Amino acid sequence: GTFAGFDIENTSLVSADILNGLTIRTYLNGVLRETKSGLNDLISVST
């Protein structure tokens, strides 16, 4: 239930373009837990 992500910047691309090539994964004790990729899975927010 915790949001997990990264604060990133790519001045040449808009958010949608970045999401197309982006994957974020979580691990616990070295074991893969979840994988989310692209426009359908990731949230791009201003904070």
All heavy atoms as atom14 arrays in JSON, in Angstrom:
{
  "sequence": "GTFAGFDIENTSLVSADILNGLTIRTYLNGVLRETKSGLNDLISVST",
  "atom14_mask": [
    [1, 1, 1, 1, 0, 0, 0, 0, 0, 0, 0, 0, 0, 0],
    [1, 1, 1, 1, 1, 1, 1, 0, 0, 0, 0, 0, 0, 0],
    [1, 1, 1, 1, 1, 1, 1, 1, 1, 1, 1, 0, 0, 0],
    [1, 1, 1, 1, 1, 0, 0, 0, 0, 0, 0, 0, 0, 0],
    [1, 1, 1, 1, 0, 0, 0, 0, 0, 0, 0, 0, 0, 0],
    [1, 1, 1, 1, 1, 1, 1, 1, 1, 1, 1, 0, 0, 0],
    [1, 1, 1, 1, 1, 1, 1, 1, 0, 0, 0, 0, 0, 0],
    [1, 1, 1, 1, 1, 1, 1, 1, 0, 0, 0, 0, 0, 0],
    [1, 1, 1, 1, 1, 1, 1, 1, 1, 0, 0, 0, 0, 0],
    [1, 1, 1, 1, 1, 1, 1, 1, 0, 0, 0, 0, 0, 0],
    [1, 1, 1, 1, 1, 1, 1, 0, 0, 0, 0, 0, 0, 0],
    [1, 1, 1, 1, 1, 1, 0, 0, 0, 0, 0, 0, 0, 0],
    [1, 1, 1, 1, 1, 1, 1, 1, 0, 0, 0, 0, 0, 0],
    [1, 1, 1, 1, 1, 1, 1, 0, 0, 0, 0, 0, 0, 0],
    [1, 1, 1, 1, 1, 1, 0, 0, 0, 0, 0, 0, 0, 0],
    [1, 1, 1, 1, 1, 0, 0, 0, 0, 0, 0, 0, 0, 0],
    [1, 1, 1, 1, 1, 1, 1, 1, 0, 0, 0, 0, 0, 0],
    [1, 1, 1, 1, 1, 1, 1, 1, 0, 0, 0, 0, 0, 0],
    [1, 1, 1, 1, 1, 1, 1, 1, 0, 0, 0, 0, 0, 0],
    [1, 1, 1, 1, 1, 1, 1, 1, 0, 0, 0, 0, 0, 0],
    [1, 1, 1, 1, 0, 0, 0, 0, 0, 0, 0, 0, 0, 0],
    [1, 1, 1, 1, 1, 1, 1, 1, 0, 0, 0, 0, 0, 0],
    [1, 1, 1, 1, 1, 1, 1, 0, 0, 0, 0, 0, 0, 0],
    [1, 1, 1, 1, 1, 1, 1, 1, 0, 0, 0, 0, 0, 0],
    [1, 1, 1, 1, 1, 1, 1, 1, 1, 1, 1, 0, 0, 0],
    [1, 1, 1, 1, 1, 1, 1, 0, 0, 0, 0, 0, 0, 0],
    [1, 1, 1, 1, 1, 1, 1, 1, 1, 1, 1, 1, 0, 0],
    [1, 1, 1, 1, 1, 1, 1, 1, 0, 0, 0, 0, 0, 0],
    [1, 1, 1, 1, 1, 1, 1, 1, 0, 0, 0, 0, 0, 0],
    [1, 1, 1, 1, 0, 0, 0, 0, 0, 0, 0, 0, 0, 0],
    [1, 1, 1, 1, 1, 1, 1, 0, 0, 0, 0, 0, 0, 0],
    [1, 1, 1, 1, 1, 1, 1, 1, 0, 0, 0, 0, 0, 0],
    [1, 1, 1, 1, 1, 1, 1, 1, 1, 1, 1, 0, 0, 0],
    [1, 1, 1, 1, 1, 1, 1, 1, 1, 0, 0, 0, 0, 0],
    [1, 1, 1, 1, 1, 1, 1, 0, 0, 0, 0, 0, 0, 0],
    [1, 1, 1, 1, 1, 1, 1, 1, 1, 0, 0, 0, 0, 0],
    [1, 1, 1, 1, 1, 1, 0, 0, 0, 0, 0, 0, 0, 0],
    [1, 1, 1, 1, 0, 0, 0, 0, 0, 0, 0, 0, 0, 0],
    [1, 1, 1, 1, 1, 1, 1, 1, 0, 0, 0, 0, 0, 0],
    [1, 1, 1, 1, 1, 1, 1, 1, 0, 0, 0, 0, 0, 0],
    [1, 1, 1, 1, 1, 1, 1, 1, 0, 0, 0, 0, 0, 0],
    [1, 1, 1, 1, 1, 1, 1, 1, 0, 0, 0, 0, 0, 0],
    [1, 1, 1, 1, 1, 1, 1, 1, 0, 0, 0, 0, 0, 0],
    [1, 1, 1, 1, 1, 1, 0, 0, 0, 0, 0, 0, 0, 0],
    [1, 1, 1, 1, 1, 1, 1, 0, 0, 0, 0, 0, 0, 0],
    [1, 1, 1, 1, 1, 1, 0, 0, 0, 0, 0, 0, 0, 0],
    [1, 1, 1, 1, 1, 1, 1, 0, 0, 0, 0, 0, 0, 0]
  ],
  "atom14_positions": [
    [[0.8, -1.22, 0.0], [0.0, 0.0, 0.0], [0.83, 1.27, 0.0], [0.29, 2.37, -0.09], [0.0, 0.0, 0.0], [0.0, 0.0, 0.0], [0.0, 0.0, 0.0], [0.0, 0.0, 0.0], [0.0, 0.0, 0.0], [0.0, 0.0, 0.0], [0.0, 0.0, 0.0], [0.0, 0.0, 0.0], [0.0, 0.0, 0.0], [0.0, 0.0, 0.0]],
    [[2.17, 1.12, 0.11], [3.08, 2.27, 0.05], [3.39, 2.61, -1.4], [3.66, 1.71, -2.21], [4.38, 1.96, 0.8], [4.09, 1.61, 2.15], [5.32, 3.14, 0.77], [0.0, 0.0, 0.0], [0.0, 0.0, 0.0], [0.0, 0.0, 0.0], [0.0, 0.0, 0.0], [0.0, 0.0, 0.0], [0.0, 0.0, 0.0], [0.0, 0.0, 0.0]],
    [[3.35, 3.87, -1.75], [3.8, 4.3, -3.07], [5.32, 4.18, -3.13], [6.03, 4.61, -2.21], [3.39, 5.73, -3.34], [3.95, 6.3, -4.62], [3.3, 6.15, -5.84], [5.17, 7.0, -4.62], [3.84, 6.67, -7.02], [5.71, 7.52, -5.78], [5.04, 7.35, -6.98], [0.0, 0.0, 0.0], [0.0, 0.0, 0.0], [0.0, 0.0, 0.0]],
    [[5.84, 3.58, -4.2], [7.28, 3.43, -4.41], [7.63, 3.97, -5.78], [7.06, 3.54, -6.79], [7.69, 1.97, -4.29], [0.0, 0.0, 0.0], [0.0, 0.0, 0.0], [0.0, 0.0, 0.0], [0.0, 0.0, 0.0], [0.0, 0.0, 0.0], [0.0, 0.0, 0.0], [0.0, 0.0, 0.0], [0.0, 0.0, 0.0], [0.0, 0.0, 0.0]],
    [[8.56, 4.9, -5.85], [8.94, 5.46, -7.13], [10.2, 6.28, -7.04], [10.91, 6.27, -6.03], [0.0, 0.0, 0.0], [0.0, 0.0, 0.0], [0.0, 0.0, 0.0], [0.0, 0.0, 0.0], [0.0, 0.0, 0.0], [0.0, 0.0, 0.0], [0.0, 0.0, 0.0], [0.0, 0.0, 0.0], [0.0, 0.0, 0.0], [0.0, 0.0, 0.0]],
    [[10.5, 7.0, -8.1], [11.71, 7.81, -8.17], [11.38, 9.2, -8.68], [10.49, 9.38, -9.52], [12.74, 7.16, -9.08], [13.44, 5.97, -8.46], [12.87, 4.72, -8.54], [14.64, 6.12, -7.79], [13.5, 3.61, -7.97], [15.27, 5.04, -7.22], [14.7, 3.77, -7.3], [0.0, 0.0, 0.0], [0.0, 0.0, 0.0], [0.0, 0.0, 0.0]],
    [[12.13, 10.15, -8.18], [12.05, 11.53, -8.63], [13.04, 11.66, -9.79], [14.25, 11.54, -9.6], [12.43, 12.44, -7.46], [12.25, 13.91, -7.76], [11.57, 14.25, -8.74], [12.82, 14.73, -7.0], [0.0, 0.0, 0.0], [0.0, 0.0, 0.0], [0.0, 0.0, 0.0], [0.0, 0.0, 0.0], [0.0, 0.0, 0.0], [0.0, 0.0, 0.0]],
    [[12.53, 11.89, -11.01], [13.37, 11.87, -12.2], [13.11, 13.1, -13.06], [12.14, 13.83, -12.87], [13.15, 10.59, -13.04], [11.74, 10.59, -13.66], [13.38, 9.34, -12.19], [11.53, 9.44, -14.64], [0.0, 0.0, 0.0], [0.0, 0.0, 0.0], [0.0, 0.0, 0.0], [0.0, 0.0, 0.0], [0.0, 0.0, 0.0], [0.0, 0.0, 0.0]],
    [[14.01, 13.28, -14.03], [13.87, 14.41, -14.94], [14.5, 14.07, -16.28], [15.6, 13.53, -16.34], [14.54, 15.65, -14.35], [14.46, 16.89, -15.23], [15.19, 18.07, -14.62], [16.16, 17.84, -13.86], [14.8, 19.21, -14.89], [0.0, 0.0, 0.0], [0.0, 0.0, 0.0], [0.0, 0.0, 0.0], [0.0, 0.0, 0.0], [0.0, 0.0, 0.0]],
    [[13.76, 14.37, -17.35], [14.29, 14.29, -18.7], [13.69, 15.45, -19.47], [12.54, 15.41, -19.88], [13.94, 12.95, -19.36], [14.65, 12.77, -20.69], [14.7, 13.66, -21.52], [15.21, 11.58, -20.89], [0.0, 0.0, 0.0], [0.0, 0.0, 0.0], [0.0, 0.0, 0.0], [0.0, 0.0, 0.0], [0.0, 0.0, 0.0], [0.0, 0.0, 0.0]],
    [[14.47, 16.51, -19.63], [13.93, 17.75, -20.17], [13.54, 17.65, -21.64], [12.81, 18.5, -22.15], [14.95, 18.89, -19.99], [16.18, 18.51, -20.61], [15.2, 19.15, -18.52], [0.0, 0.0, 0.0], [0.0, 0.0, 0.0], [0.0, 0.0, 0.0], [0.0, 0.0, 0.0], [0.0, 0.0, 0.0], [0.0, 0.0, 0.0], [0.0, 0.0, 0.0]],
    [[13.99, 16.62, -22.34], [13.69, 16.51, -23.77], [12.43, 15.71, -24.05], [11.97, 15.65, -25.19], [14.86, 15.86, -24.51], [15.07, 14.53, -24.05], [0.0, 0.0, 0.0], [0.0, 0.0, 0.0], [0.0, 0.0, 0.0], [0.0, 0.0, 0.0], [0.0, 0.0, 0.0], [0.0, 0.0, 0.0], [0.0, 0.0, 0.0], [0.0, 0.0, 0.0]],
    [[11.86, 15.08, -23.01], [10.69, 14.22, -23.21], [9.57, 14.63, -22.28], [9.81, 15.1, -21.17], [11.05, 12.76, -22.97], [12.13, 12.15, -23.87], [12.47, 10.75, -23.4], [11.65, 12.12, -25.32], [0.0, 0.0, 0.0], [0.0, 0.0, 0.0], [0.0, 0.0, 0.0], [0.0, 0.0, 0.0], [0.0, 0.0, 0.0], [0.0, 0.0, 0.0]],
    [[8.34, 14.41, -22.7], [7.18, 14.62, -21.84], [6.94, 13.37, -21.01], [7.52, 12.31, -21.26], [5.92, 14.97, -22.67], [6.14, 16.27, -23.43], [5.56, 13.84, -23.61], [0.0, 0.0, 0.0], [0.0, 0.0, 0.0], [0.0, 0.0, 0.0], [0.0, 0.0, 0.0], [0.0, 0.0, 0.0], [0.0, 0.0, 0.0], [0.0, 0.0, 0.0]],
    [[6.07, 13.46, -20.02], [5.86, 12.35, -19.09], [5.45, 11.07, -19.79], [5.91, 9.98, -19.44], [4.8, 12.74, -18.05], [5.24, 13.81, -17.25], [0.0, 0.0, 0.0], [0.0, 0.0, 0.0], [0.0, 0.0, 0.0], [0.0, 0.0, 0.0], [0.0, 0.0, 0.0], [0.0, 0.0, 0.0], [0.0, 0.0, 0.0], [0.0, 0.0, 0.0]],
    [[4.58, 11.15, -20.76], [4.12, 9.95, -21.44], [5.26, 9.23, -22.14], [5.34, 7.99, -22.14], [3.03, 10.31, -22.46], [0.0, 0.0, 0.0], [0.0, 0.0, 0.0], [0.0, 0.0, 0.0], [0.0, 0.0, 0.0], [0.0, 0.0, 0.0], [0.0, 0.0, 0.0], [0.0, 0.0, 0.0], [0.0, 0.0, 0.0], [0.0, 0.0, 0.0]],
    [[6.18, 9.97, -22.75], [7.32, 9.35, -23.42], [8.24, 8.63, -22.43], [8.77, 7.56, -22.7], [8.12, 10.41, -24.18], [7.35, 10.98, -25.37], [6.54, 10.22, -25.94], [7.55, 12.15, -25.7], [0.0, 0.0, 0.0], [0.0, 0.0, 0.0], [0.0, 0.0, 0.0], [0.0, 0.0, 0.0], [0.0, 0.0, 0.0], [0.0, 0.0, 0.0]],
    [[8.44, 9.24, -21.25], [9.28, 8.61, -20.24], [8.65, 7.31, -19.78], [9.3, 6.28, -19.65], [9.49, 9.57, -19.05], [10.27, 10.8, -19.49], [10.23, 8.86, -17.92], [10.43, 11.84, -18.41], [0.0, 0.0, 0.0], [0.0, 0.0, 0.0], [0.0, 0.0, 0.0], [0.0, 0.0, 0.0], [0.0, 0.0, 0.0], [0.0, 0.0, 0.0]],
    [[7.32, 7.34, -19.53], [6.63, 6.14, -19.03], [6.71, 4.98, -20.0], [6.74, 3.82, -19.58], [5.18, 6.48, -18.71], [4.94, 7.39, -17.51], [3.47, 7.71, -17.37], [5.47, 6.74, -16.25], [0.0, 0.0, 0.0], [0.0, 0.0, 0.0], [0.0, 0.0, 0.0], [0.0, 0.0, 0.0], [0.0, 0.0, 0.0], [0.0, 0.0, 0.0]],
    [[6.73, 5.27, -21.3], [6.8, 4.19, -22.3], [8.03, 3.31, -22.11], [7.99, 2.11, -22.39], [6.79, 4.78, -23.72], [5.41, 5.15, -24.17], [4.42, 4.54, -23.76], [5.32, 6.18, -25.01], [0.0, 0.0, 0.0], [0.0, 0.0, 0.0], [0.0, 0.0, 0.0], [0.0, 0.0, 0.0], [0.0, 0.0, 0.0], [0.0, 0.0, 0.0]],
    [[9.12, 3.9, -21.68], [10.36, 3.13, -21.54], [10.76, 2.89, -20.11], [11.94, 2.63, -19.85], [0.0, 0.0, 0.0], [0.0, 0.0, 0.0], [0.0, 0.0, 0.0], [0.0, 0.0, 0.0], [0.0, 0.0, 0.0], [0.0, 0.0, 0.0], [0.0, 0.0, 0.0], [0.0, 0.0, 0.0], [0.0, 0.0, 0.0], [0.0, 0.0, 0.0]],
    [[9.81, 2.95, -19.17], [10.15, 2.9, -17.75], [9.55, 1.68, -17.07], [8.39, 1.33, -17.3], [9.63, 4.17, -17.07], [10.04, 4.43, -15.62], [11.56, 4.6, -15.53], [9.34, 5.67, -15.09], [0.0, 0.0, 0.0], [0.0, 0.0, 0.0], [0.0, 0.0, 0.0], [0.0, 0.0, 0.0], [0.0, 0.0, 0.0], [0.0, 0.0, 0.0]],
    [[10.37, 1.03, -16.21], [9.9, -0.08, -15.38], [10.39, 0.15, -13.96], [11.55, 0.53, -13.74], [10.44, -1.42, -15.88], [9.99, -1.65, -17.22], [9.98, -2.57, -14.99], [0.0, 0.0, 0.0], [0.0, 0.0, 0.0], [0.0, 0.0, 0.0], [0.0, 0.0, 0.0], [0.0, 0.0, 0.0], [0.0, 0.0, 0.0], [0.0, 0.0, 0.0]],
    [[9.51, -0.09, -13.0], [9.89, -0.02, -11.59], [9.55, -1.35, -10.94], [8.45, -1.88, -11.11], [9.2, 1.16, -10.88], [9.75, 2.48, -11.45], [9.42, 1.09, -9.37], [9.16, 3.72, -10.82], [0.0, 0.0, 0.0], [0.0, 0.0, 0.0], [0.0, 0.0, 0.0], [0.0, 0.0, 0.0], [0.0, 0.0, 0.0], [0.0, 0.0, 0.0]],
    [[10.53, -1.88, -10.2], [10.37, -3.17, -9.54], [10.64, -3.01, -8.04], [11.44, -2.18, -7.64], [11.34, -4.21, -10.1], [11.16, -4.53, -11.58], [12.23, -5.51, -12.06], [12.03, -5.95, -13.44], [12.5, -5.31, -14.5], [13.22, -4.2, -14.33], [12.28, -5.77, -15.71], [0.0, 0.0, 0.0], [0.0, 0.0, 0.0], [0.0, 0.0, 0.0]],
    [[9.99, -3.84, -7.25], [10.28, -3.91, -5.83], [10.8, -5.3, -5.48], [10.49, -6.29, -6.16], [9.04, -3.61, -4.98], [7.99, -4.54, -5.32], [8.55, -2.18, -5.19], [0.0, 0.0, 0.0], [0.0, 0.0, 0.0], [0.0, 0.0, 0.0], [0.0, 0.0, 0.0], [0.0, 0.0, 0.0], [0.0, 0.0, 0.0], [0.0, 0.0, 0.0]],
    [[11.62, -5.35, -4.42], [12.23, -6.6, -3.96], [12.11, -6.67, -2.44], [12.0, -5.64, -1.76], [13.72, -6.66, -4.33], [14.01, -6.64, -5.81], [13.99, -5.43, -6.52], [14.29, -7.81, -6.5], [14.26, -5.4, -7.88], [14.57, -7.78, -7.86], [14.56, -6.58, -8.54], [14.82, -6.55, -9.89], [0.0, 0.0, 0.0], [0.0, 0.0, 0.0]],
    [[12.15, -7.88, -1.92], [12.23, -8.11, -0.48], [13.26, -9.2, -0.23], [13.12, -10.31, -0.73], [10.88, -8.52, 0.09], [10.84, -8.72, 1.61], [11.12, -7.41, 2.34], [9.5, -9.3, 2.06], [0.0, 0.0, 0.0], [0.0, 0.0, 0.0], [0.0, 0.0, 0.0], [0.0, 0.0, 0.0], [0.0, 0.0, 0.0], [0.0, 0.0, 0.0]],
    [[14.31, -8.83, 0.52], [15.41, -9.77, 0.79], [15.99, -10.36, -0.49], [16.32, -11.54, -0.57], [14.94, -10.88, 1.72], [14.48, -10.35, 3.06], [15.03, -9.39, 3.59], [13.43, -10.98, 3.61], [0.0, 0.0, 0.0], [0.0, 0.0, 0.0], [0.0, 0.0, 0.0], [0.0, 0.0, 0.0], [0.0, 0.0, 0.0], [0.0, 0.0, 0.0]],
    [[16.07, -9.53, -1.53], [16.65, -9.95, -2.8], [15.71, -10.66, -3.75], [16.09, -10.99, -4.87], [0.0, 0.0, 0.0], [0.0, 0.0, 0.0], [0.0, 0.0, 0.0], [0.0, 0.0, 0.0], [0.0, 0.0, 0.0], [0.0, 0.0, 0.0], [0.0, 0.0, 0.0], [0.0, 0.0, 0.0], [0.0, 0.0, 0.0], [0.0, 0.0, 0.0]],
    [[14.48, -10.91, -3.33], [13.5, -11.63, -4.16], [12.54, -10.64, -4.79], [11.98, -9.77, -4.11], [12.73, -12.67, -3.32], [11.66, -13.37, -4.17], [13.68, -13.68, -2.7], [0.0, 0.0, 0.0], [0.0, 0.0, 0.0], [0.0, 0.0, 0.0], [0.0, 0.0, 0.0], [0.0, 0.0, 0.0], [0.0, 0.0, 0.0], [0.0, 0.0, 0.0]],
    [[12.34, -10.76, -6.11], [11.44, -9.87, -6.84], [10.02, -9.96, -6.28], [9.49, -11.05, -6.08], [11.44, -10.22, -8.32], [10.53, -9.38, -9.23], [10.98, -7.93, -9.25], [10.5, -9.96, -10.63], [0.0, 0.0, 0.0], [0.0, 0.0, 0.0], [0.0, 0.0, 0.0], [0.0, 0.0, 0.0], [0.0, 0.0, 0.0], [0.0, 0.0, 0.0]],
    [[9.39, -8.81, -6.06], [8.03, -8.77, -5.54], [7.03, -8.31, -6.61], [6.06, -9.0, -6.89], [7.95, -7.84, -4.33], [8.87, -8.23, -3.19], [8.38, -9.47, -2.48], [7.46, -9.11, -1.41], [6.85, -9.99, -0.63], [7.05, -11.28, -0.82], [6.04, -9.6, 0.34], [0.0, 0.0, 0.0], [0.0, 0.0, 0.0], [0.0, 0.0, 0.0]],
    [[7.27, -7.13, -7.18], [6.32, -6.6, -8.16], [7.06, -5.89, -9.27], [8.14, -5.33, -9.05], [5.34, -5.62, -7.5], [4.43, -6.24, -6.46], [3.46, -5.23, -5.88], [2.44, -4.93, -6.54], [3.73, -4.73, -4.76], [0.0, 0.0, 0.0], [0.0, 0.0, 0.0], [0.0, 0.0, 0.0], [0.0, 0.0, 0.0], [0.0, 0.0, 0.0]],
    [[6.46, -5.88, -10.45], [6.99, -5.19, -11.61], [5.88, -4.38, -12.26], [4.81, -4.93, -12.57], [7.58, -6.17, -12.63], [8.61, -6.93, -12.02], [8.15, -5.43, -13.84], [0.0, 0.0, 0.0], [0.0, 0.0, 0.0], [0.0, 0.0, 0.0], [0.0, 0.0, 0.0], [0.0, 0.0, 0.0], [0.0, 0.0, 0.0], [0.0, 0.0, 0.0]],
    [[6.11, -3.1, -12.49], [5.14, -2.25, -13.16], [5.86, -1.48, -14.26], [6.95, -0.94, -14.05], [4.49, -1.27, -12.19], [3.75, -1.94, -11.04], [2.53, -2.72, -11.5], [1.8, -3.34, -10.31], [0.62, -4.14, -10.74], [0.0, 0.0, 0.0], [0.0, 0.0, 0.0], [0.0, 0.0, 0.0], [0.0, 0.0, 0.0], [0.0, 0.0, 0.0]],
    [[5.23, -1.4, -15.44], [5.87, -0.77, -16.59], [4.88, 0.06, -17.38], [3.68, -0.28, -17.47], [6.48, -1.83, -17.53], [7.42, -2.62, -16.86], [0.0, 0.0, 0.0], [0.0, 0.0, 0.0], [0.0, 0.0, 0.0], [0.0, 0.0, 0.0], [0.0, 0.0, 0.0], [0.0, 0.0, 0.0], [0.0, 0.0, 0.0], [0.0, 0.0, 0.0]],
    [[5.37, 1.13, -17.98], [4.66, 1.85, -19.01], [3.44, 2.62, -18.54], [3.15, 2.77, -17.36], [0.0, 0.0, 0.0], [0.0, 0.0, 0.0], [0.0, 0.0, 0.0], [0.0, 0.0, 0.0], [0.0, 0.0, 0.0], [0.0, 0.0, 0.0], [0.0, 0.0, 0.0], [0.0, 0.0, 0.0], [0.0, 0.0, 0.0], [0.0, 0.0, 0.0]],
    [[2.7, 3.12, -19.52], [1.58, 4.02, -19.27], [0.47, 3.39, -18.45], [-0.19, 4.06, -17.66], [1.02, 4.5, -20.61], [1.84, 5.54, -21.36], [1.31, 5.71, -22.78], [1.81, 6.87, -20.63], [0.0, 0.0, 0.0], [0.0, 0.0, 0.0], [0.0, 0.0, 0.0], [0.0, 0.0, 0.0], [0.0, 0.0, 0.0], [0.0, 0.0, 0.0]],
    [[0.25, 2.08, -18.63], [-0.89, 1.44, -17.99], [-0.67, 1.17, -16.51], [-1.63, 1.05, -15.75], [-1.23, 0.12, -18.69], [-1.73, 0.33, -20.11], [-2.37, 1.36, -20.4], [-1.45, -0.62, -20.99], [0.0, 0.0, 0.0], [0.0, 0.0, 0.0], [0.0, 0.0, 0.0], [0.0, 0.0, 0.0], [0.0, 0.0, 0.0], [0.0, 0.0, 0.0]],
    [[0.58, 1.05, -16.09], [0.85, 0.62, -14.71], [1.4, 1.73, -13.82], [1.21, 1.7, -12.6], [1.88, -0.52, -14.71], [1.32, -1.82, -15.26], [0.08, -1.96, -15.27], [2.12, -2.67, -15.67], [0.0, 0.0, 0.0], [0.0, 0.0, 0.0], [0.0, 0.0, 0.0], [0.0, 0.0, 0.0], [0.0, 0.0, 0.0], [0.0, 0.0, 0.0]],
    [[2.11, 2.69, -14.39], [2.82, 3.66, -13.58], [2.05, 4.96, -13.45], [1.24, 5.32, -14.32], [4.2, 3.94, -14.17], [5.16, 2.73, -14.18], [6.43, 3.09, -14.93], [5.49, 2.28, -12.76], [0.0, 0.0, 0.0], [0.0, 0.0, 0.0], [0.0, 0.0, 0.0], [0.0, 0.0, 0.0], [0.0, 0.0, 0.0], [0.0, 0.0, 0.0]],
    [[2.29, 5.64, -12.36], [1.67, 6.92, -12.07], [2.73, 8.0, -12.21], [3.81, 7.9, -11.62], [1.1, 6.96, -10.64], [0.1, 5.81, -10.44], [0.46, 8.3, -10.34], [-0.3, 5.63, -8.99], [0.0, 0.0, 0.0], [0.0, 0.0, 0.0], [0.0, 0.0, 0.0], [0.0, 0.0, 0.0], [0.0, 0.0, 0.0], [0.0, 0.0, 0.0]],
    [[2.46, 9.03, -12.98], [3.37, 10.17, -13.1], [2.69, 11.36, -12.46], [1.63, 11.8, -12.9], [3.67, 10.45, -14.56], [4.49, 11.59, -14.68], [0.0, 0.0, 0.0], [0.0, 0.0, 0.0], [0.0, 0.0, 0.0], [0.0, 0.0, 0.0], [0.0, 0.0, 0.0], [0.0, 0.0, 0.0], [0.0, 0.0, 0.0], [0.0, 0.0, 0.0]],
    [[3.28, 11.86, -11.39], [2.64, 12.94, -10.64], [3.62, 14.07, -10.4], [4.83, 13.87, -10.34], [2.1, 12.43, -9.29], [0.99, 11.42, -9.48], [3.23, 11.86, -8.44], [0.0, 0.0, 0.0], [0.0, 0.0, 0.0], [0.0, 0.0, 0.0], [0.0, 0.0, 0.0], [0.0, 0.0, 0.0], [0.0, 0.0, 0.0], [0.0, 0.0, 0.0]],
    [[3.09, 15.25, -10.22], [3.87, 16.37, -9.73], [3.72, 16.41, -8.22], [2.62, 16.26, -7.7], [3.38, 17.68, -10.34], [3.59, 17.69, -11.73], [0.0, 0.0, 0.0], [0.0, 0.0, 0.0], [0.0, 0.0, 0.0], [0.0, 0.0, 0.0], [0.0, 0.0, 0.0], [0.0, 0.0, 0.0], [0.0, 0.0, 0.0], [0.0, 0.0, 0.0]],
    [[4.82, 16.61, -7.51], [4.76, 16.63, -6.05], [5.52, 17.83, -5.52], [6.13, 18.59, -6.28], [5.4, 15.35, -5.46], [6.82, 15.44, -5.59], [4.91, 14.1, -6.16], [0.0, 0.0, 0.0], [0.0, 0.0, 0.0], [0.0, 0.0, 0.0], [0.0, 0.0, 0.0], [0.0, 0.0, 0.0], [0.0, 0.0, 0.0], [0.0, 0.0, 0.0]]
  ]
}
